[in-house]
Amino acid sequence: MSVRVAIIGASGYTGGELLRILAVHREVEVAAATSREYAGKPITHVHPHLRAIYKGMRFIEVDLDKITKADAVFLSLPAGASINYVPKLLESGLKVIDLGPDYRLKNPEDYARWYGFEHPHPDLLEKAVYGMPELYRSEIARAKLIASPGCNSTAAILSLIPAIREGLIDLDHIAIDVKVGSSEAGRKPAPGTHHPERENVIRPYEASGHRHVAEVEQELSKLAGKGLKIAFVPHAVGSI
């Protein structure tokens, strides 16, 4: 029996990749895909590479009555946009997988520092499972709320898991250099993500306060058994 899945925010790059992956999953049926900007338009209008799979299916507005008929829901929204959907979806009995940052951090005070807002549901932060199967596979299988890791965070944490577990590095001096392609910034164009501006350039950004530092330090500290601080500098490069 297929698991019926809804996607809130399916018109961006992350939503499009999710649609592609779910299309080849034998036990999943995509029941609904929402987009505020493209509601009523075919999914293939935004994701033409999926035309053989989602022919005739259209984006809809966020309608919780329709979405809660699914078994599970993915949220692919900017920071702060998933927060108030999640409690309602959980109350409806759905399994919730948030691809954004709204439930990744355990300390609610970190949201004020790193994201600029007070988290209205601190009780759910403790219940959320960080969606990295290399660390939390069994917990993810049982969880009702899964907070998927950030892209830079995933690269940083996965690269350091074996080194920390085997005691191969100095935990007091961890420096992380991440090279980032333009798709990381999402679909909305900006000068810094425009390829003529990025080609043959390596440009550091947010060198002293990238948001992903919070979750990297959170997870590496758990792994190390003590509080860790890292130096983290992402660099925009010409790749996609």
Protein backbone atom coordinates (compact mmCIF):
# COMPACT_ATOMS: atom_id res chain seq x y z
CA MET A 1 0.00 0.00 0.00
CA SER A 2 1.43 3.37 -1.04
CA VAL A 3 2.11 6.17 1.41
CA ARG A 4 0.20 9.26 0.29
CA VAL A 5 2.45 12.32 0.51
CA ALA A 6 1.76 16.05 0.27
CA ILE A 7 4.43 18.69 -0.34
CA ILE A 8 3.98 22.24 0.92
CA GLY A 9 6.23 24.48 -1.15
CA ALA A 10 6.92 22.28 -4.16
CA SER A 11 7.89 24.89 -6.76
CA GLY A 12 11.42 25.67 -5.54
CA TYR A 13 14.60 23.76 -6.28
CA THR A 14 14.30 21.61 -3.16
CA GLY A 15 10.63 20.90 -3.83
CA GLY A 16 11.40 19.97 -7.43
CA GLU A 17 14.15 17.57 -6.42
CA LEU A 18 11.82 16.04 -3.84
CA LEU A 19 9.15 15.52 -6.51
CA ARG A 20 11.75 13.79 -8.70
CA ILE A 21 12.95 11.47 -5.92
CA LEU A 22 9.45 10.55 -4.75
CA ALA A 23 8.36 9.78 -8.31
CA VAL A 24 10.66 6.76 -8.43
CA HIS A 25 9.82 5.53 -4.92
CA ARG A 26 7.66 2.44 -5.34
CA GLU A 27 5.84 2.92 -2.03
CA VAL A 28 4.98 6.62 -2.35
CA GLU A 29 2.17 8.46 -4.12
CA VAL A 30 2.36 12.27 -4.36
CA ALA A 31 -1.19 13.32 -3.52
CA ALA A 32 -0.77 17.11 -3.46
CA ALA A 33 1.89 19.72 -4.20
CA THR A 34 1.40 23.33 -3.19
CA SER A 35 2.75 26.61 -4.48
CA ARG A 36 1.54 30.06 -3.54
CA GLU A 37 3.00 31.62 -6.69
CA TYR A 38 2.04 28.92 -9.19
CA ALA A 39 -1.25 27.60 -7.77
CA GLY A 40 -3.43 26.34 -10.62
CA LYS A 41 -0.51 25.90 -13.00
CA PRO A 42 0.82 22.48 -14.03
CA ILE A 43 3.79 21.16 -12.07
CA THR A 44 5.56 20.85 -15.42
CA HIS A 45 5.28 24.62 -15.92
CA VAL A 46 7.95 25.01 -13.23
CA HIS A 47 9.62 21.60 -13.44
CA PRO A 48 9.56 20.68 -17.16
CA HIS A 49 11.99 17.81 -16.61
CA LEU A 50 9.18 16.02 -14.72
CA ARG A 51 6.65 16.21 -17.56
CA ALA A 52 6.62 12.45 -18.15
CA ILE A 53 5.82 11.81 -14.48
CA TYR A 54 3.43 14.53 -13.31
CA LYS A 55 1.54 15.13 -16.56
CA GLY A 56 -1.78 16.79 -15.75
CA MET A 57 -1.04 17.37 -12.05
CA ARG A 58 -1.29 20.99 -10.90
CA PHE A 59 -0.03 22.97 -7.97
CA ILE A 60 -2.67 23.91 -5.40
CA GLU A 61 -2.90 26.55 -2.70
CA VAL A 62 -2.15 25.39 0.84
CA ASP A 63 -5.41 23.74 1.88
CA LEU A 64 -5.04 21.84 5.15
CA ASP A 65 -8.29 19.96 4.57
CA LYS A 66 -6.80 18.42 1.42
CA ILE A 67 -3.30 18.04 2.80
CA THR A 68 -4.39 16.24 5.95
CA LYS A 69 -5.91 13.49 3.80
CA ALA A 70 -2.33 12.42 3.10
CA ASP A 71 -0.28 10.14 5.36
CA ALA A 72 2.81 12.32 5.49
CA VAL A 73 3.74 15.87 4.54
CA PHE A 74 6.99 17.51 3.52
CA LEU A 75 7.47 21.23 4.08
CA SER A 76 9.93 22.94 1.76
CA LEU A 77 9.66 26.55 2.90
CA PRO A 78 11.95 29.44 3.91
CA ALA A 79 12.98 30.01 7.52
CA GLY A 80 10.03 30.86 9.73
CA ALA A 81 7.38 29.76 7.24
CA SER A 82 6.86 26.18 8.51
CA ILE A 83 6.59 26.99 12.21
CA ASN A 84 2.84 27.38 12.51
CA TYR A 85 1.89 24.70 9.98
CA VAL A 86 3.66 21.95 11.91
CA PRO A 87 1.48 21.84 15.07
CA LYS A 88 -1.71 21.67 12.98
CA LEU A 89 -0.31 18.90 10.80
CA LEU A 90 0.82 16.88 13.82
CA GLU A 91 -2.61 17.26 15.42
CA SER A 92 -4.09 15.72 12.28
CA GLY A 93 -1.94 12.63 12.79
CA LEU A 94 0.41 13.18 9.88
CA LYS A 95 4.10 12.39 9.85
CA VAL A 96 5.84 15.72 9.22
CA ILE A 97 9.21 16.16 7.51
CA ASP A 98 10.38 19.77 7.55
CA LEU A 99 13.12 20.48 5.00
CA GLY A 100 13.59 24.00 6.37
CA PRO A 101 15.36 25.10 9.57
CA ASP A 102 12.38 25.75 11.84
CA TYR A 103 12.75 22.63 14.02
CA ARG A 104 16.44 21.72 13.69
CA LEU A 105 17.72 23.47 16.80
CA LYS A 106 16.98 22.19 20.30
CA ASN A 107 17.59 25.46 22.16
CA PRO A 108 14.78 27.95 21.41
CA GLU A 109 17.11 30.83 22.24
CA ASP A 110 19.22 29.90 19.22
CA TYR A 111 16.38 30.96 16.93
CA ALA A 112 16.48 34.50 18.24
CA ARG A 113 20.25 34.62 17.76
CA TRP A 114 20.59 32.93 14.38
CA TYR A 115 17.24 33.49 12.69
CA GLY A 116 15.94 36.66 14.30
CA PHE A 117 12.64 35.35 15.70
CA GLU A 118 11.30 33.86 18.91
CA HIS A 119 10.25 30.25 18.43
CA PRO A 120 6.54 29.90 19.37
CA HIS A 121 6.62 26.12 19.87
CA PRO A 122 9.66 25.26 22.01
CA ASP A 123 7.96 22.07 23.21
CA LEU A 124 8.13 20.66 19.68
CA LEU A 125 11.86 21.35 19.37
CA GLU A 126 12.58 18.56 21.85
CA LYS A 127 10.25 16.17 20.05
CA ALA A 128 11.74 16.82 16.61
CA VAL A 129 14.38 14.36 15.39
CA TYR A 130 17.31 15.70 13.40
CA GLY A 131 16.93 13.96 10.06
CA MET A 132 20.41 12.55 9.57
CA PRO A 133 20.12 8.74 9.34
CA GLU A 134 23.86 8.29 9.84
CA LEU A 135 23.28 9.52 13.41
CA TYR A 136 19.58 8.93 14.16
CA ARG A 137 18.30 6.14 11.92
CA SER A 138 16.16 4.34 14.52
CA GLU A 139 14.82 7.61 15.96
CA ILE A 140 13.81 8.81 12.49
CA ALA A 141 11.85 5.60 11.89
CA ARG A 142 9.74 6.26 15.00
CA ALA A 143 9.48 10.06 14.79
CA LYS A 144 6.37 12.07 14.01
CA LEU A 145 8.38 15.25 13.34
CA ILE A 146 11.65 15.11 11.41
CA ALA A 147 13.81 18.20 10.90
CA SER A 148 15.99 17.67 7.85
CA PRO A 149 19.54 19.07 8.12
CA GLY A 150 20.74 22.06 6.14
CA CYS A 151 22.88 21.52 3.05
CA ASN A 152 26.11 23.01 4.39
CA SER A 153 25.46 21.35 7.73
CA THR A 154 25.12 17.94 6.13
CA ALA A 155 28.46 18.29 4.33
CA ALA A 156 30.21 19.50 7.48
CA ILE A 157 28.77 16.94 9.89
CA LEU A 158 29.13 13.89 7.66
CA SER A 159 32.75 14.72 6.90
CA LEU A 160 33.60 15.01 10.60
CA ILE A 161 31.68 12.06 12.09
CA PRO A 162 34.47 9.48 11.54
CA ALA A 163 37.24 11.87 12.59
CA ILE A 164 35.49 12.71 15.87
CA ARG A 165 34.47 9.12 16.62
CA GLU A 166 38.03 7.88 16.10
CA GLY A 167 39.66 10.76 17.97
CA LEU A 168 41.67 11.85 14.95
CA ILE A 169 41.36 15.63 15.28
CA ASP A 170 41.87 18.44 17.77
CA LEU A 171 38.33 19.26 18.88
CA ASP A 172 39.35 22.74 19.98
CA HIS A 173 40.44 23.79 16.49
CA ILE A 174 37.87 22.73 13.89
CA ALA A 175 37.80 24.86 10.73
CA ILE A 176 35.24 24.10 8.01
CA ASP A 177 35.47 25.48 4.47
CA VAL A 178 32.39 24.76 2.35
CA LYS A 179 32.20 25.42 -1.39
CA VAL A 180 28.65 26.31 -2.41
CA GLY A 181 27.00 26.24 -5.85
CA SER A 182 24.33 28.70 -6.97
CA SER A 183 21.36 26.36 -6.46
CA GLU A 184 21.95 26.48 -2.70
CA ALA A 185 20.46 29.97 -2.63
CA GLY A 186 17.16 28.82 -4.11
CA ARG A 187 15.10 29.84 -7.13
CA LYS A 188 14.78 33.57 -6.41
CA PRO A 189 17.50 35.36 -8.42
CA ALA A 190 20.00 37.69 -6.81
CA PRO A 191 23.31 39.24 -7.94
CA GLY A 192 25.30 36.79 -5.81
CA THR A 193 23.64 33.74 -7.39
CA HIS A 194 23.76 34.97 -11.00
CA HIS A 195 26.29 32.90 -12.98
CA PRO A 196 28.00 35.81 -14.77
CA GLU A 197 28.80 37.16 -11.30
CA ARG A 198 29.98 33.80 -9.92
CA GLU A 199 31.93 32.34 -12.83
CA ASN A 200 35.66 31.96 -12.07
CA VAL A 201 35.15 33.55 -8.65
CA ILE A 202 35.53 32.16 -5.15
CA ARG A 203 33.71 34.48 -2.77
CA PRO A 204 33.43 33.97 1.00
CA TYR A 205 30.15 35.04 2.59
CA GLU A 206 28.70 35.16 6.11
CA ALA A 207 32.16 34.34 7.41
CA SER A 208 31.34 35.25 11.00
CA GLY A 209 27.72 34.23 11.37
CA HIS A 210 26.30 31.66 8.97
CA ARG A 211 23.06 30.17 10.31
CA HIS A 212 24.20 26.61 9.78
CA VAL A 213 26.89 27.05 12.43
CA ALA A 214 24.19 26.52 15.07
CA GLU A 215 23.18 23.04 13.95
CA VAL A 216 26.73 21.96 13.12
CA GLU A 217 27.90 22.89 16.62
CA GLN A 218 24.81 21.29 18.15
CA GLU A 219 25.34 17.93 16.46
CA LEU A 220 29.14 17.80 16.69
CA SER A 221 28.92 18.66 20.40
CA LYS A 222 26.60 15.70 20.97
CA LEU A 223 28.95 13.47 19.03
CA ALA A 224 32.03 14.66 20.95
CA GLY A 225 30.34 14.63 24.35
CA LYS A 226 31.31 18.23 25.06
CA GLY A 227 30.54 21.71 23.79
CA LEU A 228 32.37 22.54 20.56
CA LYS A 229 32.90 25.81 18.72
CA ILE A 230 33.84 25.84 15.06
CA ALA A 231 35.20 28.22 12.45
CA PHE A 232 32.86 27.96 9.48
CA VAL A 233 33.27 29.87 6.21
CA PRO A 234 31.17 29.05 3.13
CA HIS A 235 32.47 30.14 -0.28
CA ALA A 236 30.28 30.80 -3.31
CA VAL A 237 31.77 29.20 -6.43
CA GLY A 238 30.78 28.90 -10.08
CA SER A 239 29.19 25.45 -9.91
CA ILE A 240 25.46 24.81 -9.81
